């Protein structure tokens, strides 16, 4: 991930083009939304555009999945078929990473998401994502974990198997080649 949190004009133009193509290809994810309005909002917020670029670079294939009328924000989720490839093999958070004595992963989901300016999906958001397609049929994704579970050393993850969303638990310090995280961003 880059230290500069601003894209060049060329990078911005290329990302906006990629997002527009994905938006038009997947209209069922965002019925009744207008790309020109989404683009205008993105062009007015360089920091959010940078975050979308980070989502894209790590394999997330971000797309608009809704609009919050109360806040006037467009909502983006990672819409790649499987959990983003460059966000896998990570434990849940810094506390879990620091607690590992050996075979530490390179990073943790919460730190990566914070560095990217995004949030892990909640259980509700993960279930909402699954109404837009079938995601994580071979992988799994860490999701936001309630404090009481995290305080006991656990963390939650989700996947889609047998036509259903499953929410599971694991030690927060665990990591697997097929587990990463999906993010959300409001613009």
Protein backbone atom coordinates (compact mmCIF):
# COMPACT_ATOMS: atom_id res chain seq x y z
CA UNK A 1 0.00 0.00 0.00
CA UNK A 2 1.20 3.45 -0.87
CA UNK A 3 2.19 6.09 1.71
CA UNK A 4 0.76 8.87 -0.48
CA UNK A 5 -2.98 9.08 0.02
CA UNK A 6 -3.68 10.99 -3.17
CA UNK A 7 -3.83 9.70 -6.71
CA UNK A 8 -2.33 11.40 -9.72
CA UNK A 9 -4.79 12.67 -12.31
CA UNK A 10 -3.93 9.74 -14.56
CA UNK A 11 -4.48 7.24 -11.72
CA UNK A 12 -7.79 8.90 -10.84
CA UNK A 13 -8.98 8.81 -14.44
CA UNK A 14 -8.00 5.15 -14.85
CA UNK A 15 -9.72 4.15 -11.59
CA UNK A 16 -12.88 6.08 -12.42
CA UNK A 17 -13.00 4.37 -15.81
CA UNK A 18 -12.60 0.93 -14.19
CA UNK A 19 -15.30 1.71 -11.61
CA UNK A 20 -17.64 2.97 -14.32
CA UNK A 21 -17.21 -0.21 -16.36
CA UNK A 22 -17.93 -2.34 -13.28
CA UNK A 23 -20.91 -0.13 -12.37
CA UNK A 24 -22.46 -0.53 -15.84
CA UNK A 25 -21.71 -4.26 -16.00
CA UNK A 26 -23.42 -4.94 -12.63
CA UNK A 27 -26.51 -2.71 -12.69
CA UNK A 28 -28.46 -5.20 -10.57
CA UNK A 29 -26.28 -4.18 -7.59
CA UNK A 30 -27.39 -0.56 -7.74
CA UNK A 31 -30.74 -0.18 -9.48
CA UNK A 32 -31.87 3.40 -10.01
CA UNK A 33 -28.45 4.92 -9.29
CA UNK A 34 -26.76 7.25 -11.77
CA UNK A 35 -23.02 6.85 -12.45
CA UNK A 36 -22.57 10.57 -13.18
CA UNK A 37 -23.67 11.41 -9.61
CA UNK A 38 -21.39 8.74 -8.13
CA UNK A 39 -18.45 10.00 -10.19
CA UNK A 40 -19.09 13.60 -9.17
CA UNK A 41 -19.02 12.58 -5.50
CA UNK A 42 -15.79 10.63 -6.01
CA UNK A 43 -14.08 13.48 -7.87
CA UNK A 44 -14.90 15.78 -4.95
CA UNK A 45 -13.24 13.47 -2.42
CA UNK A 46 -9.63 12.54 -3.24
CA UNK A 47 -9.16 10.61 0.03
CA UNK A 48 -12.11 8.29 -0.69
CA UNK A 49 -10.95 7.80 -4.26
CA UNK A 50 -7.54 6.79 -2.89
CA UNK A 51 -9.25 4.27 -0.57
CA UNK A 52 -11.14 2.80 -3.53
CA UNK A 53 -7.83 2.54 -5.36
CA UNK A 54 -6.41 0.55 -2.44
CA UNK A 55 -9.46 -1.73 -2.53
CA UNK A 56 -8.93 -2.21 -6.26
CA UNK A 57 -5.14 -2.81 -5.98
CA UNK A 58 -5.63 -5.54 -3.38
CA UNK A 59 -8.16 -7.40 -5.55
CA UNK A 60 -11.43 -6.21 -4.01
CA UNK A 61 -13.22 -5.09 -7.18
CA UNK A 62 -15.20 -2.41 -5.29
CA UNK A 63 -18.64 -1.51 -6.59
CA UNK A 64 -21.55 0.67 -5.51
CA UNK A 65 -24.14 -1.42 -3.68
CA UNK A 66 -26.41 1.31 -2.37
CA UNK A 67 -27.17 4.89 -1.46
CA UNK A 68 -27.92 6.18 2.04
CA UNK A 69 -30.60 8.85 1.66
CA UNK A 70 -30.08 10.08 5.23
CA UNK A 71 -26.39 10.86 4.79
CA UNK A 72 -26.27 11.35 1.03
CA UNK A 73 -23.49 8.77 0.75
CA UNK A 74 -22.90 6.07 -1.83
CA UNK A 75 -21.91 2.73 -0.34
CA UNK A 76 -19.16 0.59 -1.87
CA UNK A 77 -18.37 -3.02 -0.95
CA UNK A 78 -15.67 -5.35 -2.21
CA UNK A 79 -17.54 -7.38 -4.84
CA UNK A 80 -14.84 -9.79 -5.99
CA UNK A 81 -16.03 -13.38 -6.28
CA UNK A 82 -13.63 -14.64 -3.59
CA UNK A 83 -12.11 -12.71 -0.70
CA UNK A 84 -9.56 -10.20 -2.08
CA UNK A 85 -6.39 -12.07 -3.00
CA UNK A 86 -3.94 -9.55 -1.57
CA UNK A 87 -5.76 -9.40 1.78
CA UNK A 88 -5.56 -13.07 2.71
CA UNK A 89 -3.47 -14.95 5.29
CA UNK A 90 -4.02 -12.30 7.96
CA UNK A 91 -5.18 -12.64 11.54
CA UNK A 92 -7.98 -10.45 12.89
CA UNK A 93 -6.34 -7.51 14.70
CA UNK A 94 -3.10 -6.10 16.14
CA UNK A 95 -3.72 -7.62 19.59
CA UNK A 96 -3.94 -11.08 17.99
CA UNK A 97 -0.89 -10.46 15.81
CA UNK A 98 1.20 -9.28 18.77
CA UNK A 99 0.08 -12.29 20.84
CA UNK A 100 1.42 -14.83 18.33
CA UNK A 101 4.79 -16.14 19.43
CA UNK A 102 5.75 -17.89 16.18
CA UNK A 103 4.58 -18.23 12.59
CA UNK A 104 3.15 -14.73 12.62
CA UNK A 105 1.24 -13.55 9.56
CA UNK A 106 2.55 -10.43 7.84
CA UNK A 107 -0.41 -8.30 8.90
CA UNK A 108 -3.89 -8.22 10.39
CA UNK A 109 -7.25 -7.36 8.89
CA UNK A 110 -8.08 -4.39 11.12
CA UNK A 111 -4.72 -2.65 10.56
CA UNK A 112 -4.92 -3.21 6.81
CA UNK A 113 -8.47 -1.86 6.64
CA UNK A 114 -7.54 1.19 8.72
CA UNK A 115 -4.52 1.89 6.51
CA UNK A 116 -6.79 1.68 3.45
CA UNK A 117 -9.42 3.97 4.98
CA UNK A 118 -12.15 1.30 4.88
CA UNK A 119 -14.04 -0.83 7.39
CA UNK A 120 -14.53 -4.58 7.62
CA UNK A 121 -18.04 -5.65 6.74
CA UNK A 122 -20.44 -6.29 9.59
CA UNK A 123 -22.48 -9.49 9.69
CA UNK A 124 -25.49 -7.55 8.39
CA UNK A 125 -23.46 -6.06 5.52
CA UNK A 126 -22.01 -9.47 4.66
CA UNK A 127 -25.50 -10.95 4.44
CA UNK A 128 -26.59 -7.96 2.32
CA UNK A 129 -23.66 -8.57 -0.04
CA UNK A 130 -24.80 -12.16 -0.52
CA UNK A 131 -28.18 -10.93 -1.82
CA UNK A 132 -26.28 -9.38 -4.74
CA UNK A 133 -24.56 -12.60 -5.83
CA UNK A 134 -22.67 -15.54 -4.41
CA UNK A 135 -19.39 -14.51 -2.83
CA UNK A 136 -16.78 -16.50 -0.87
CA UNK A 137 -17.79 -19.93 -2.15
CA UNK A 138 -14.18 -21.11 -1.71
CA UNK A 139 -12.78 -18.52 0.70
CA UNK A 140 -13.90 -16.78 3.88
CA UNK A 141 -13.77 -13.23 5.22
CA UNK A 142 -13.20 -11.79 8.68
CA UNK A 143 -16.12 -9.60 9.72
CA UNK A 144 -16.50 -7.04 12.50
CA UNK A 145 -16.57 -8.87 15.81
CA UNK A 146 -18.53 -7.82 18.91
CA UNK A 147 -16.32 -6.67 21.79
CA UNK A 148 -17.50 -9.39 24.16
CA UNK A 149 -16.34 -12.10 21.72
CA UNK A 150 -13.08 -10.33 20.92
CA UNK A 151 -12.32 -9.83 24.65
CA UNK A 152 -12.45 -13.62 25.06
CA UNK A 153 -9.90 -14.11 22.25
CA UNK A 154 -12.28 -14.90 19.40
CA UNK A 155 -13.24 -13.27 16.14
CA UNK A 156 -15.96 -13.87 13.55
CA UNK A 157 -15.68 -14.78 9.90
CA UNK A 158 -18.20 -15.63 7.21
CA UNK A 159 -18.53 -17.53 3.96
CA UNK A 160 -21.15 -18.86 1.54
CA UNK A 161 -21.61 -22.62 1.34
CA UNK A 162 -24.49 -24.93 0.39
CA UNK A 163 -26.60 -21.96 -0.71
CA UNK A 164 -26.33 -20.26 2.71
CA UNK A 165 -24.31 -17.66 4.57
CA UNK A 166 -22.45 -19.13 7.53
CA UNK A 167 -21.03 -17.08 10.38
CA UNK A 168 -18.29 -18.83 12.33
CA UNK A 169 -15.81 -18.10 15.08
CA UNK A 170 -12.10 -18.72 15.38
CA UNK A 171 -9.24 -17.54 17.54
CA UNK A 172 -8.46 -13.99 16.46
CA UNK A 173 -4.82 -14.97 16.03
CA UNK A 174 -5.59 -17.64 13.44
CA UNK A 175 -4.91 -17.11 9.76
CA UNK A 176 -5.40 -19.19 6.65
CA UNK A 177 -4.50 -18.88 2.99
CA UNK A 178 -8.20 -18.72 2.08
CA UNK A 179 -9.28 -16.19 4.74
CA UNK A 180 -9.01 -12.46 4.28
CA UNK A 181 -11.45 -9.62 4.63
CA UNK A 182 -13.90 -7.55 2.62
CA UNK A 183 -14.35 -3.87 3.15
CA UNK A 184 -16.93 -1.15 2.88
CA UNK A 185 -16.55 2.53 2.10
CA UNK A 186 -19.03 5.40 2.20
CA UNK A 187 -18.55 8.33 -0.18
